[in-house]
C-alpha cells in the first residue's frame, strides 16, 4: 500500500499522497454508464461523437468521478480492514460535507486507463464537533500518458483518535 495509511485524524498531514488504483474504461462500460446516467450522444454513439468537440466516443465526466469514488472508498476500506486484522480499534465513520473545484481536464476515451490518487492538503480538529476533524484532499486522475483528466477538492470528516462511536 502506498501513501497515507491513516484512519485517524491526527495522522494526516498536508503533502501526504496515496494511489487509490487504476480503472480501465472499456467501450462497453462507457456506453453502459451513459445509457443509465448521462445519455448524451457523444457518450453513446460513435458517429454522433465524431461530430463533436471530442471527435470520438468519450466517457461521461460523471463516470470518471464515479470510478474515482469507487477506488477511493476501497482504499480507505482496506486501511480499516488492515487495522481490524491487527486488532486495533476502528474509528467512527464520518461523512463528507462536500467538494468544490471539480475539473474534467481532458476527455477520457474507451481504452484509456486512469490512475486515481489523492493528496492531503490539510487536517484540523472541529471546534463545533468534539471528537471529529476535517481532512481536506485533492483526488485526481491521470491517463496512461500521464495527462491529468480529473480532479476536485474534497473535505471529509475523520474521527479523532479514540472516537469509535457513531
C-alpha atoms as a PDB file:
ATOM      1  CA  UNK A   1       0.000   0.000   0.000  1.00  0.00           C
ATOM      2  CA  UNK A   2       1.394   3.397  -0.915  1.00  0.00           C
ATOM      3  CA  UNK A   3       0.890   6.824   0.562  1.00  0.00           C
ATOM      4  CA  UNK A   4      -1.076   7.842   3.582  1.00  0.00           C
ATOM      5  CA  UNK A   5      -2.199   4.935   5.700  1.00  0.00           C
ATOM      6  CA  UNK A   6      -4.157   6.629   8.480  1.00  0.00           C
ATOM      7  CA  UNK A   7      -7.671   6.045   9.650  1.00  0.00           C
ATOM      8  CA  UNK A   8      -7.399   8.685  12.428  1.00  0.00           C
ATOM      9  CA  UNK A   9      -7.457  12.460  12.007  1.00  0.00           C
ATOM     10  CA  UNK A  10      -4.237  13.076  13.962  1.00  0.00           C
ATOM     11  CA  UNK A  11      -2.132  11.124  11.466  1.00  0.00           C
ATOM     12  CA  UNK A  12      -2.994  13.158   8.381  1.00  0.00           C
ATOM     13  CA  UNK A  13      -0.546  15.822   7.209  1.00  0.00           C
ATOM     14  CA  UNK A  14      -0.534  18.130   4.227  1.00  0.00           C
ATOM     15  CA  UNK A  15       1.512  16.696   1.391  1.00  0.00           C
ATOM     16  CA  UNK A  16       0.763  13.021   2.033  1.00  0.00           C
ATOM     17  CA  UNK A  17      -0.196  11.232  -1.160  1.00  0.00           C
ATOM     18  CA  UNK A  18      -1.801   7.901  -1.964  1.00  0.00           C
ATOM     19  CA  UNK A  19      -2.560   5.955  -5.122  1.00  0.00           C
ATOM     20  CA  UNK A  20      -6.076   4.520  -4.998  1.00  0.00           C
ATOM     21  CA  UNK A  21      -5.785   2.334  -8.086  1.00  0.00           C
ATOM     22  CA  UNK A  22      -6.438   2.068 -11.805  1.00  0.00           C
ATOM     23  CA  UNK A  23      -9.684   1.978 -13.754  1.00  0.00           C
ATOM     24  CA  UNK A  24      -9.816   0.841 -17.373  1.00  0.00           C
ATOM     25  CA  UNK A  25     -12.581   2.438 -19.448  1.00  0.00           C
ATOM     26  CA  UNK A  26     -13.955  -0.062 -21.953  1.00  0.00           C
ATOM     27  CA  UNK A  27     -16.260   0.944 -24.794  1.00  0.00           C
ATOM     28  CA  UNK A  28     -18.983  -1.230 -23.282  1.00  0.00           C
ATOM     29  CA  UNK A  29     -18.636   0.382 -19.829  1.00  0.00           C
ATOM     30  CA  UNK A  30     -18.658   3.910 -21.311  1.00  0.00           C
ATOM     31  CA  UNK A  31     -21.889   3.233 -23.213  1.00  0.00           C
ATOM     32  CA  UNK A  32     -23.495   1.330 -20.325  1.00  0.00           C
ATOM     33  CA  UNK A  33     -22.794   4.150 -17.868  1.00  0.00           C
ATOM     34  CA  UNK A  34     -24.076   6.754 -20.338  1.00  0.00           C
ATOM     35  CA  UNK A  35     -27.277   4.810 -21.029  1.00  0.00           C
ATOM     36  CA  UNK A  36     -28.010   4.679 -17.311  1.00  0.00           C
ATOM     37  CA  UNK A  37     -26.824   8.097 -16.104  1.00  0.00           C
ATOM     38  CA  UNK A  38     -25.678  10.524 -18.826  1.00  0.00           C
ATOM     39  CA  UNK A  39     -27.426   9.769 -22.129  1.00  0.00           C
ATOM     40  CA  UNK A  40     -25.760  12.385 -24.290  1.00  0.00           C
ATOM     41  CA  UNK A  41     -24.963  11.395 -27.873  1.00  0.00           C
ATOM     42  CA  UNK A  42     -21.170  11.804 -27.563  1.00  0.00           C
ATOM     43  CA  UNK A  43     -21.211   9.179 -24.771  1.00  0.00           C
ATOM     44  CA  UNK A  44     -23.452   6.768 -26.690  1.00  0.00           C
ATOM     45  CA  UNK A  45     -22.816   6.887 -30.415  1.00  0.00           C
ATOM     46  CA  UNK A  46     -19.581   6.865 -32.428  1.00  0.00           C
ATOM     47  CA  UNK A  47     -20.955   8.817 -35.375  1.00  0.00           C
ATOM     48  CA  UNK A  48     -22.581  11.497 -33.235  1.00  0.00           C
ATOM     49  CA  UNK A  49     -19.438  11.798 -31.105  1.00  0.00           C
ATOM     50  CA  UNK A  50     -17.274  12.232 -34.228  1.00  0.00           C
ATOM     51  CA  UNK A  51     -19.153  15.484 -34.961  1.00  0.00           C
ATOM     52  CA  UNK A  52     -18.411  16.987 -31.539  1.00  0.00           C
ATOM     53  CA  UNK A  53     -15.516  18.591 -29.712  1.00  0.00           C
ATOM     54  CA  UNK A  54     -14.464  15.121 -28.539  1.00  0.00           C
ATOM     55  CA  UNK A  55     -14.027  13.750 -32.060  1.00  0.00           C
ATOM     56  CA  UNK A  56     -14.923  10.246 -30.907  1.00  0.00           C
ATOM     57  CA  UNK A  57     -16.853   8.404 -28.225  1.00  0.00           C
ATOM     58  CA  UNK A  58     -15.944   9.817 -24.794  1.00  0.00           C
ATOM     59  CA  UNK A  59     -16.690   8.703 -21.243  1.00  0.00           C
ATOM     60  CA  UNK A  60     -19.048  10.786 -19.143  1.00  0.00           C
ATOM     61  CA  UNK A  61     -17.263  13.019 -16.680  1.00  0.00           C
ATOM     62  CA  UNK A  62     -19.549  11.541 -14.045  1.00  0.00           C
ATOM     63  CA  UNK A  63     -18.236   8.091 -14.995  1.00  0.00           C
ATOM     64  CA  UNK A  64     -14.676   9.307 -14.315  1.00  0.00           C
ATOM     65  CA  UNK A  65     -15.841  10.733 -10.977  1.00  0.00           C
ATOM     66  CA  UNK A  66     -17.664   7.523 -10.029  1.00  0.00           C
ATOM     67  CA  UNK A  67     -14.608   5.409 -10.813  1.00  0.00           C
ATOM     68  CA  UNK A  68     -12.539   7.665  -8.554  1.00  0.00           C
ATOM     69  CA  UNK A  69     -15.043   7.372  -5.707  1.00  0.00           C
ATOM     70  CA  UNK A  70     -15.095   3.580  -6.014  1.00  0.00           C
ATOM     71  CA  UNK A  71     -11.310   3.325  -5.785  1.00  0.00           C
ATOM     72  CA  UNK A  72     -11.006   5.957  -3.041  1.00  0.00           C
ATOM     73  CA  UNK A  73     -13.599   4.133  -0.909  1.00  0.00           C
ATOM     74  CA  UNK A  74     -11.895   0.769  -1.452  1.00  0.00           C
ATOM     75  CA  UNK A  75      -8.556   2.294  -0.478  1.00  0.00           C
ATOM     76  CA  UNK A  76      -9.967   3.618   2.793  1.00  0.00           C
ATOM     77  CA  UNK A  77     -11.845   0.363   3.481  1.00  0.00           C
ATOM     78  CA  UNK A  78      -8.572  -1.545   3.022  1.00  0.00           C
ATOM     79  CA  UNK A  79      -6.948   0.677   5.674  1.00  0.00           C
ATOM     80  CA  UNK A  80      -9.788  -0.114   8.087  1.00  0.00           C
ATOM     81  CA  UNK A  81      -9.596  -3.835   7.272  1.00  0.00           C
ATOM     82  CA  UNK A  82      -5.849  -3.861   7.941  1.00  0.00           C
ATOM     83  CA  UNK A  83      -6.335  -2.125  11.299  1.00  0.00           C
ATOM     84  CA  UNK A  84      -9.116  -4.569  12.237  1.00  0.00           C
ATOM     85  CA  UNK A  85      -6.891  -7.522  11.306  1.00  0.00           C
ATOM     86  CA  UNK A  86      -4.257  -6.156  13.706  1.00  0.00           C
ATOM     87  CA  UNK A  87      -6.900  -5.980  16.430  1.00  0.00           C
ATOM     88  CA  UNK A  88      -6.865  -2.174  16.583  1.00  0.00           C
ATOM     89  CA  UNK A  89      -9.951  -0.153  17.451  1.00  0.00           C
ATOM     90  CA  UNK A  90     -11.695   1.367  14.466  1.00  0.00           C
ATOM     91  CA  UNK A  91     -12.810   4.980  14.244  1.00  0.00           C
ATOM     92  CA  UNK A  92     -16.367   6.077  13.731  1.00  0.00           C
ATOM     93  CA  UNK A  93     -17.033   6.747  10.048  1.00  0.00           C
ATOM     94  CA  UNK A  94     -17.602  10.329   9.026  1.00  0.00           C
ATOM     95  CA  UNK A  95     -19.346  11.842   6.014  1.00  0.00           C
ATOM     96  CA  UNK A  96     -18.150  14.407   3.540  1.00  0.00           C
ATOM     97  CA  UNK A  97     -19.685  17.863   3.882  1.00  0.00           C
ATOM     98  CA  UNK A  98     -18.932  18.480   0.218  1.00  0.00           C
ATOM     99  CA  UNK A  99     -16.479  19.213  -2.540  1.00  0.00           C
ATOM    100  CA  UNK A 100     -15.618  22.001  -4.932  1.00  0.00           C
ATOM    101  CA  UNK A 101     -13.428  22.753  -7.907  1.00  0.00           C
ATOM    102  CA  UNK A 102     -14.497  19.690  -9.908  1.00  0.00           C
ATOM    103  CA  UNK A 103     -12.485  19.664 -13.118  1.00  0.00           C
ATOM    104  CA  UNK A 104     -12.617  17.403 -16.134  1.00  0.00           C
ATOM    105  CA  UNK A 105      -9.289  18.436 -17.603  1.00  0.00           C
ATOM    106  CA  UNK A 106      -9.220  16.157 -20.640  1.00  0.00           C
ATOM    107  CA  UNK A 107     -11.623  13.697 -22.229  1.00  0.00           C
ATOM    108  CA  UNK A 108     -11.416  10.045 -21.254  1.00  0.00           C
ATOM    109  CA  UNK A 109     -11.887   7.667 -24.167  1.00  0.00           C
ATOM    110  CA  UNK A 110     -12.627   3.958 -24.390  1.00  0.00           C
ATOM    111  CA  UNK A 111      -9.327   2.142 -24.000  1.00  0.00           C
ATOM    112  CA  UNK A 112      -7.926   4.676 -21.531  1.00  0.00           C
ATOM    113  CA  UNK A 113      -6.708   3.547 -18.137  1.00  0.00           C
ATOM    114  CA  UNK A 114      -6.902   6.214 -15.458  1.00  0.00           C
ATOM    115  CA  UNK A 115      -4.785   6.020 -12.316  1.00  0.00           C
ATOM    116  CA  UNK A 116      -6.520   7.710  -9.402  1.00  0.00           C
ATOM    117  CA  UNK A 117      -4.852   9.087  -6.309  1.00  0.00           C
ATOM    118  CA  UNK A 118      -5.134  11.878  -3.813  1.00  0.00           C
ATOM    119  CA  UNK A 119      -3.031  14.411  -1.949  1.00  0.00           C
ATOM    120  CA  UNK A 120      -3.830  15.607   1.557  1.00  0.00           C
ATOM    121  CA  UNK A 121      -3.947  19.415   1.703  1.00  0.00           C
ATOM    122  CA  UNK A 122      -4.765  19.843   5.391  1.00  0.00           C
ATOM    123  CA  UNK A 123      -6.270  18.433   8.576  1.00  0.00           C
ATOM    124  CA  UNK A 124      -7.746  20.133  11.622  1.00  0.00           C
ATOM    125  CA  UNK A 125      -9.969  19.388  14.608  1.00  0.00           C
ATOM    126  CA  UNK A 126     -13.504  20.745  14.533  1.00  0.00           C
ATOM    127  CA  UNK A 127     -14.468  23.159  17.292  1.00  0.00           C
ATOM    128  CA  UNK A 128     -18.173  22.502  16.725  1.00  0.00           C
ATOM    129  CA  UNK A 129     -17.942  18.694  16.971  1.00  0.00           C
ATOM    130  CA  UNK A 130     -15.628  17.318  19.662  1.00  0.00           C
ATOM    131  CA  UNK A 131     -14.001  14.064  18.627  1.00  0.00           C
ATOM    132  CA  UNK A 132     -14.095  14.958  14.935  1.00  0.00           C
ATOM    133  CA  UNK A 133     -11.945  16.764  12.436  1.00  0.00           C
ATOM    134  CA  UNK A 134     -11.819  17.728   8.788  1.00  0.00           C
ATOM    135  CA  UNK A 135      -9.320  16.399   6.288  1.00  0.00           C
ATOM    136  CA  UNK A 136      -9.009  18.275   3.012  1.00  0.00           C
ATOM    137  CA  UNK A 137      -7.642  16.478  -0.004  1.00  0.00           C
ATOM    138  CA  UNK A 138      -7.419  16.698  -3.755  1.00  0.00           C
ATOM    139  CA  UNK A 139      -8.300  13.455  -5.514  1.00  0.00           C
ATOM    140  CA  UNK A 140      -7.149  13.307  -9.137  1.00  0.00           C
ATOM    141  CA  UNK A 141      -6.842  11.005 -12.114  1.00  0.00           C
ATOM    142  CA  UNK A 142      -4.177  10.714 -14.812  1.00  0.00           C
ATOM    143  CA  UNK A 143      -4.473   8.702 -18.010  1.00  0.00           C
ATOM    144  CA  UNK A 144      -1.908   6.217 -19.300  1.00  0.00           C
ATOM    145  CA  UNK A 145       0.023   9.093 -20.953  1.00  0.00           C
ATOM    146  CA  UNK A 146       0.349  10.951 -17.642  1.00  0.00           C
ATOM    147  CA  UNK A 147      -2.198  13.626 -18.578  1.00  0.00           C
ATOM    148  CA  UNK A 148      -4.425  14.853 -15.758  1.00  0.00           C
ATOM    149  CA  UNK A 149      -8.019  14.096 -16.738  1.00  0.00           C
ATOM    150  CA  UNK A 150      -9.874  14.766 -13.494  1.00  0.00           C
ATOM    151  CA  UNK A 151      -9.577  16.429 -10.084  1.00  0.00           C
ATOM    152  CA  UNK A 152     -11.568  18.043  -7.311  1.00  0.00           C
ATOM    153  CA  UNK A 153     -11.069  19.433  -3.810  1.00  0.00           C
ATOM    154  CA  UNK A 154     -12.791  17.456  -1.075  1.00  0.00           C
ATOM    155  CA  UNK A 155     -13.440  17.722   2.638  1.00  0.00           C
ATOM    156  CA  UNK A 156     -14.083  14.604   4.710  1.00  0.00           C
ATOM    157  CA  UNK A 157     -14.863  14.226   8.407  1.00  0.00           C
ATOM    158  CA  UNK A 158     -12.486  11.877  10.240  1.00  0.00           C
ATOM    159  CA  UNK A 159     -12.699  10.751  13.833  1.00  0.00           C
ATOM    160  CA  UNK A 160     -10.062  11.853  16.306  1.00  0.00           C
ATOM    161  CA  UNK A 161      -8.094   9.053  17.932  1.00  0.00           C
ATOM    162  CA  UNK A 162     -10.287   7.267  20.457  1.00  0.00           C
ATOM    163  CA  UNK A 163     -13.629   8.210  18.844  1.00  0.00           C
ATOM    164  CA  UNK A 164     -15.071   4.802  17.993  1.00  0.00           C
ATOM    165  CA  UNK A 165     -18.735   5.779  18.439  1.00  0.00           C
ATOM    166  CA  UNK A 166     -21.161   6.574  15.652  1.00  0.00           C
END
